Protein backbone atom coordinates (compact mmCIF):
# COMPACT_ATOMS: atom_id res chain seq x y z
CA MET A 1 126.20 6.93 148.44
CA ASP A 2 124.98 8.27 151.71
CA LYS A 3 127.18 6.28 154.15
CA THR A 4 125.63 7.65 157.29
CA GLN A 5 122.03 7.06 156.37
CA LEU A 6 122.93 3.65 154.96
CA GLY A 7 124.58 2.63 158.26
CA GLU A 8 121.73 3.91 160.37
CA PHE A 9 119.15 2.10 158.14
CA LEU A 10 121.05 -1.18 158.48
CA ARG A 11 121.39 -0.81 162.15
CA VAL A 12 117.75 0.00 162.77
CA ARG A 13 116.48 -2.85 160.52
CA ARG A 14 119.00 -5.37 162.18
CA GLU A 15 117.74 -4.28 165.73
CA ARG A 16 114.06 -4.78 164.74
CA LEU A 17 114.63 -8.43 163.77
CA ARG A 18 114.35 -11.22 166.25
CA PRO A 19 116.43 -14.41 165.89
CA GLU A 20 113.21 -16.50 165.49
CA ASP A 21 112.27 -14.14 162.58
CA VAL A 22 115.07 -15.64 160.50
CA GLY A 23 115.15 -19.17 161.90
CA LEU A 24 117.88 -18.63 164.48
CA PRO A 25 117.64 -19.79 168.18
CA ALA A 26 117.03 -16.92 170.50
CA GLY A 27 119.81 -18.16 172.92
CA LEU A 28 120.82 -16.45 176.07
CA ARG A 29 122.86 -13.40 177.03
CA ARG A 30 121.52 -11.10 174.33
CA ARG A 31 122.50 -7.72 175.67
CA THR A 32 121.12 -5.74 172.70
CA PRO A 33 117.88 -6.01 170.77
CA GLY A 34 117.60 -7.73 167.52
CA LEU A 35 120.19 -9.79 165.58
CA ARG A 36 123.91 -9.59 166.13
CA ARG A 37 126.04 -8.09 163.37
CA GLU A 38 127.70 -11.51 162.82
CA GLU A 39 124.38 -13.11 162.31
CA VAL A 40 123.27 -10.63 159.66
CA ALA A 41 126.65 -10.99 157.92
CA ALA A 42 126.31 -14.73 157.87
CA LEU A 43 122.77 -14.49 156.49
CA ALA A 44 124.01 -12.18 153.79
CA THR A 45 127.04 -14.34 153.03
CA MET A 46 129.60 -11.57 153.66
CA SER A 47 132.34 -11.09 156.29
CA ALA A 48 131.37 -9.75 159.65
CA ASP A 49 134.04 -7.14 159.42
CA TYR A 50 132.71 -5.77 156.14
CA TYR A 51 129.11 -5.56 157.52
CA THR A 52 130.31 -3.83 160.67
CA ARG A 53 132.18 -1.18 158.54
CA LEU A 54 128.99 -0.58 156.43
CA GLU A 55 126.88 -0.19 159.57
CA GLN A 56 129.50 2.23 161.02
CA ALA A 57 129.53 4.31 157.75
CA ARG A 58 133.22 3.26 157.24
CA GLY A 59 132.82 0.76 154.42
CA PRO A 60 133.25 1.03 150.65
CA ARG A 61 130.34 1.12 148.27
CA PRO A 62 128.59 -2.22 148.33
CA SER A 63 127.94 -4.10 145.11
CA ARG A 64 124.53 -4.96 143.87
CA PRO A 65 124.88 -8.64 144.91
CA VAL A 66 125.92 -7.50 148.43
CA LEU A 67 122.76 -5.25 148.58
CA THR A 68 120.59 -8.09 147.47
CA GLY A 69 122.13 -10.25 150.23
CA LEU A 70 121.56 -7.65 152.82
CA ALA A 71 117.86 -7.14 151.72
CA ARG A 72 117.31 -10.89 151.92
CA ALA A 73 119.04 -11.15 155.38
CA LEU A 74 117.21 -8.28 156.92
CA ARG A 75 113.74 -9.48 155.49
CA LEU A 76 113.18 -6.12 153.74
CA SER A 77 109.93 -5.39 151.94
CA THR A 78 110.15 -4.29 148.21
CA ASP A 79 109.96 -0.56 149.25
CA GLU A 80 112.68 -1.03 151.87
CA ARG A 81 114.94 -2.90 149.39
CA ASP A 82 114.58 -0.10 146.89
CA HIS A 83 115.45 2.37 149.63
CA LEU A 84 118.60 0.40 150.62
CA PHE A 85 119.71 0.46 146.92
CA ARG A 86 119.18 4.13 146.60
CA LEU A 87 121.07 4.88 149.90
CA ALA A 88 124.03 2.98 148.43
CA GLY A 89 123.80 4.95 145.19
CA GLU A 90 122.30 2.23 143.01
CA GLN A 91 119.00 1.94 141.11
CA PRO A 92 116.87 -0.98 142.46
CA ASP A 93 116.68 -4.11 140.36
CA PRO A 94 113.58 -4.31 138.14
CA LEU A 95 110.74 -6.12 139.78
CA PRO A 96 110.28 -9.71 138.46
CA GLY A 97 106.65 -9.25 137.57
CA PRO A 98 103.18 -8.25 138.85
CA PRO A 99 102.35 -10.45 141.85
CA ALA A 100 99.36 -12.78 141.19
CA ASP A 101 98.53 -13.72 144.78
CA VAL A 102 95.77 -11.72 146.47
CA ARG A 103 96.05 -11.19 150.16
CA THR A 104 93.52 -13.18 152.26
CA GLY A 105 92.17 -10.10 153.83
CA VAL A 106 91.27 -8.59 150.44
CA LEU A 107 89.60 -11.88 149.51
CA ARG A 108 87.51 -11.78 152.61
CA MET A 109 86.56 -8.15 152.05
CA LEU A 110 85.39 -8.98 148.51
CA GLY A 111 83.29 -11.82 149.82
CA ARG A 112 81.51 -9.68 152.34
CA LEU A 113 80.77 -6.71 150.05
CA ASP A 114 77.20 -5.94 148.90
CA VAL A 115 78.52 -4.14 145.86
CA PRO A 116 80.42 -5.55 142.77
CA GLY A 117 84.18 -5.75 143.37
CA LEU A 118 87.30 -7.29 141.59
CA VAL A 119 90.99 -7.19 141.95
CA LEU A 120 93.24 -6.41 139.05
CA ASP A 121 97.05 -6.57 138.75
CA ALA A 122 99.19 -4.14 136.86
CA LYS A 123 98.54 -5.80 133.42
CA TYR A 124 94.78 -5.95 134.03
CA ASP A 125 94.59 -9.59 134.91
CA VAL A 126 91.39 -10.17 136.80
CA LEU A 127 92.73 -12.07 139.86
CA ALA A 128 89.63 -12.15 141.99
CA TRP A 129 85.99 -11.07 141.97
CA ASN A 130 82.87 -11.47 144.04
CA PRO A 131 79.51 -12.76 142.81
CA LEU A 132 78.01 -9.34 142.11
CA ALA A 133 80.96 -8.51 139.89
CA ALA A 134 80.32 -11.62 137.87
CA ALA A 135 76.68 -10.71 137.57
CA LEU A 136 77.42 -7.21 136.50
CA LEU A 137 80.48 -7.75 134.10
CA GLY A 138 80.35 -11.34 133.09
CA ASP A 139 81.31 -14.76 134.43
CA PHE A 140 85.09 -14.69 134.61
CA SER A 141 85.10 -18.39 135.87
CA ALA A 142 83.93 -19.43 132.48
CA LEU A 143 87.10 -18.14 130.86
CA PRO A 144 90.53 -19.76 130.85
CA ALA A 145 92.88 -18.00 133.35
CA ARG A 146 94.89 -16.52 130.47
CA GLU A 147 91.84 -14.89 129.15
CA ARG A 148 90.78 -13.20 132.38
CA ASN A 149 92.42 -10.04 131.26
CA LEU A 150 90.52 -6.76 130.62
CA LEU A 151 92.80 -5.74 127.76
CA ARG A 152 92.37 -9.16 126.05
CA LEU A 153 88.64 -8.82 126.47
CA ARG A 154 88.68 -5.32 125.10
CA PHE A 155 90.93 -5.63 122.18
CA LEU A 156 90.84 -9.29 121.01
CA GLY A 157 87.37 -9.70 119.55
CA ASP A 158 85.06 -9.30 122.40
CA THR A 159 81.94 -7.18 121.64
CA ARG A 160 80.42 -7.40 125.09
CA GLN A 161 82.34 -4.25 126.24
CA GLN A 162 80.62 -1.99 123.71
CA GLU A 163 77.26 -3.42 124.51
CA LEU A 164 77.87 -2.89 128.22
CA PHE A 165 79.66 0.52 128.23
CA GLY A 166 78.79 2.16 124.87
CA GLU A 167 81.24 2.95 121.93
CA GLU A 168 82.52 6.28 123.23
CA ALA A 169 83.37 5.06 126.83
CA THR A 170 84.84 1.85 125.36
CA ALA A 171 87.15 3.84 123.21
CA GLU A 172 88.24 6.11 126.01
CA PHE A 173 88.88 3.01 128.20
CA ALA A 174 91.08 1.56 125.46
CA ARG A 175 93.41 4.44 125.32
CA GLU A 176 93.68 4.77 129.15
CA VAL A 177 94.40 1.08 129.70
CA ALA A 178 96.99 1.02 126.94
CA ALA A 179 98.76 3.98 128.56
CA ASP A 180 98.65 2.10 131.85
CA LEU A 181 100.11 -1.05 130.21
CA ARG A 182 102.84 1.00 128.87
CA ALA A 183 103.66 2.08 132.38
CA ALA A 184 103.69 -1.61 133.47
CA THR A 185 106.26 -2.56 130.79
CA GLY A 186 108.61 0.07 132.20
CA LYS A 187 108.01 -1.15 135.75
CA TYR A 188 108.37 -4.93 134.77
CA PRO A 189 110.73 -4.93 131.75
CA ASP A 190 111.74 -8.54 132.22
CA ASP A 191 108.42 -10.04 132.84
CA GLN A 192 107.48 -12.52 130.12
CA ALA A 193 103.70 -12.35 130.81
CA VAL A 194 103.58 -8.56 130.34
CA ALA A 195 105.71 -8.99 127.18
CA ALA A 196 103.45 -11.74 125.75
CA LEU A 197 100.31 -9.62 126.37
CA VAL A 198 101.68 -6.70 124.46
CA GLU A 199 102.84 -9.04 121.66
CA ASP A 200 99.41 -10.67 121.41
CA LEU A 201 97.61 -7.33 121.46
CA LEU A 202 99.82 -5.94 118.73
CA ALA A 203 99.31 -8.95 116.58
CA GLY A 204 95.63 -9.21 117.09
CA SER A 205 94.32 -5.64 117.27
CA GLU A 206 94.95 -2.84 114.73
CA GLU A 207 93.22 -0.55 117.09
CA PHE A 208 95.66 -1.30 119.95
CA ALA A 209 98.58 -1.05 117.57
CA ARG A 210 97.46 2.50 116.68
CA ILE A 211 97.09 3.43 120.26
CA TRP A 212 100.38 1.78 121.32
CA ALA A 213 102.32 3.75 118.69
CA LEU A 214 101.35 6.89 120.54
CA HIS A 215 103.60 5.98 123.39
CA GLU A 216 101.36 7.41 126.01
CA VAL A 217 102.17 6.51 129.54
CA ALA A 218 99.74 7.04 132.55
CA ASN A 219 98.47 5.10 135.48
CA GLN A 220 94.76 4.83 135.17
CA ARG A 221 92.84 5.54 138.29
CA SER A 222 89.27 6.35 137.07
CA LEU A 223 87.00 3.62 135.76
CA CYS A 224 83.66 5.32 136.37
CA GLN A 225 81.11 4.79 133.70
CA THR A 226 77.58 3.94 132.62
CA ILE A 227 76.79 0.25 132.31
CA HIS A 228 74.02 -0.93 130.05
CA HIS A 229 73.19 -4.33 131.59
CA PRO A 230 71.19 -6.65 129.37
CA VAL A 231 68.82 -7.66 132.16
CA VAL A 232 68.62 -4.81 134.70
CA GLY A 233 69.14 -1.97 132.24
CA ARG A 234 71.22 1.24 132.68
CA ILE A 235 73.37 1.61 135.73
CA ASP A 236 75.34 4.75 136.41
CA VAL A 237 78.18 3.52 138.55
CA ILE A 238 80.49 5.34 140.93
CA CYS A 239 83.76 3.47 140.72
CA GLU A 240 86.34 3.50 143.59
CA VAL A 241 89.83 2.17 142.85
CA LEU A 242 91.69 1.14 145.99
CA VAL A 243 95.43 0.47 145.60
CA VAL A 244 97.15 -2.40 147.30
CA PRO A 245 100.76 -1.04 147.14
CA ASP A 246 102.73 -4.10 148.24
CA ARG A 247 101.15 -6.20 145.42
CA ASP A 248 100.76 -3.42 142.88
CA GLN A 249 97.08 -4.45 142.62
CA ARG A 250 93.87 -2.48 142.49
CA VAL A 251 90.51 -3.29 144.06
CA VAL A 252 87.83 -1.93 141.87
CA LEU A 253 84.33 -1.37 143.56
CA TYR A 254 81.27 -0.42 141.70
CA THR A 255 78.68 1.53 143.66
CA ALA A 256 75.70 3.79 142.85
CA GLU A 257 74.09 6.98 144.25
CA PRO A 258 71.99 5.91 147.34
CA GLY A 259 68.28 5.70 146.49
CA SER A 260 68.88 6.06 142.76
CA PRO A 261 67.46 3.73 140.02
CA SER A 262 71.06 2.60 139.55
CA GLU A 263 71.40 1.43 143.12
CA GLN A 264 68.16 -0.46 142.71
CA ALA A 265 69.43 -2.04 139.53
CA LEU A 266 72.62 -3.17 141.38
CA ARG A 267 70.45 -4.78 144.10
CA LEU A 268 68.45 -6.60 141.34
CA LEU A 269 71.74 -8.31 140.38
CA ASP A 270 71.28 -10.45 143.48
CA VAL A 271 68.13 -11.86 142.03
CA VAL A 272 69.48 -12.12 138.42
CA GLY A 273 72.12 -14.61 139.38
CA THR A 274 75.71 -14.61 140.49
CA GLN A 275 78.80 -16.70 140.36
CA SER A 276 80.93 -17.89 143.27
CA LEU A 277 83.83 -15.93 144.53
CA SER A 278 86.85 -17.12 142.51
CA THR A 279 90.48 -16.54 142.15
CA THR A 280 93.14 -17.66 139.69
């Protein structure tokens, strides 16, 4: 436990909060910025004396429930909460599960792009996509929400992936995403959706079971590949993966070399037909 750093962190975060941020009246005669120590203590359901000692680096090591209460009272982000736990000599609590909500700004960006784009969570659920992504990869809106998952599409009986990407690239993708899913199980050990996905894949795919038994762990960041589209033909895509850290999500964008036949093929997708921008 780093008492000095913990105390300074608590003080700085307290002084950055305004009373209205936590539903308190601003009141008069506030001589210092931010919340009062007594207010933070009340929000965290602890004594004002104990909180004061923590902030002044004189307190005992706080328990996990106390740290959770402080994180809630100070409106800490996930990264800030984890930092608080580590300053107190504790490992952060496991995250409850991959967030399924996509920020409004990300949805707006997808809708305005002139290239295919989609949003994936840590277990490869397709959370959002734009019309060009539907034209390129398939109509996700035609699938039940549970089936809008790239691992389910890859391992549980879908043949379209091999038709689109070819046998070798599809096999490589399978091993990479299985390693990524293994990383997600470590990050979200208590999430039922992640556990159910692994269970379904093990029960329904011998190929996945063989790969899973390798215990490979890696965060996949490269999705670049050649796509054999049934209407516009071969497209050599340059795939950019943009990370949304606070949601543990990835925005996947498919582009092509400017002026190339592949870029022309992507433009043809506007004519081929698209689906409306959708989210779960």
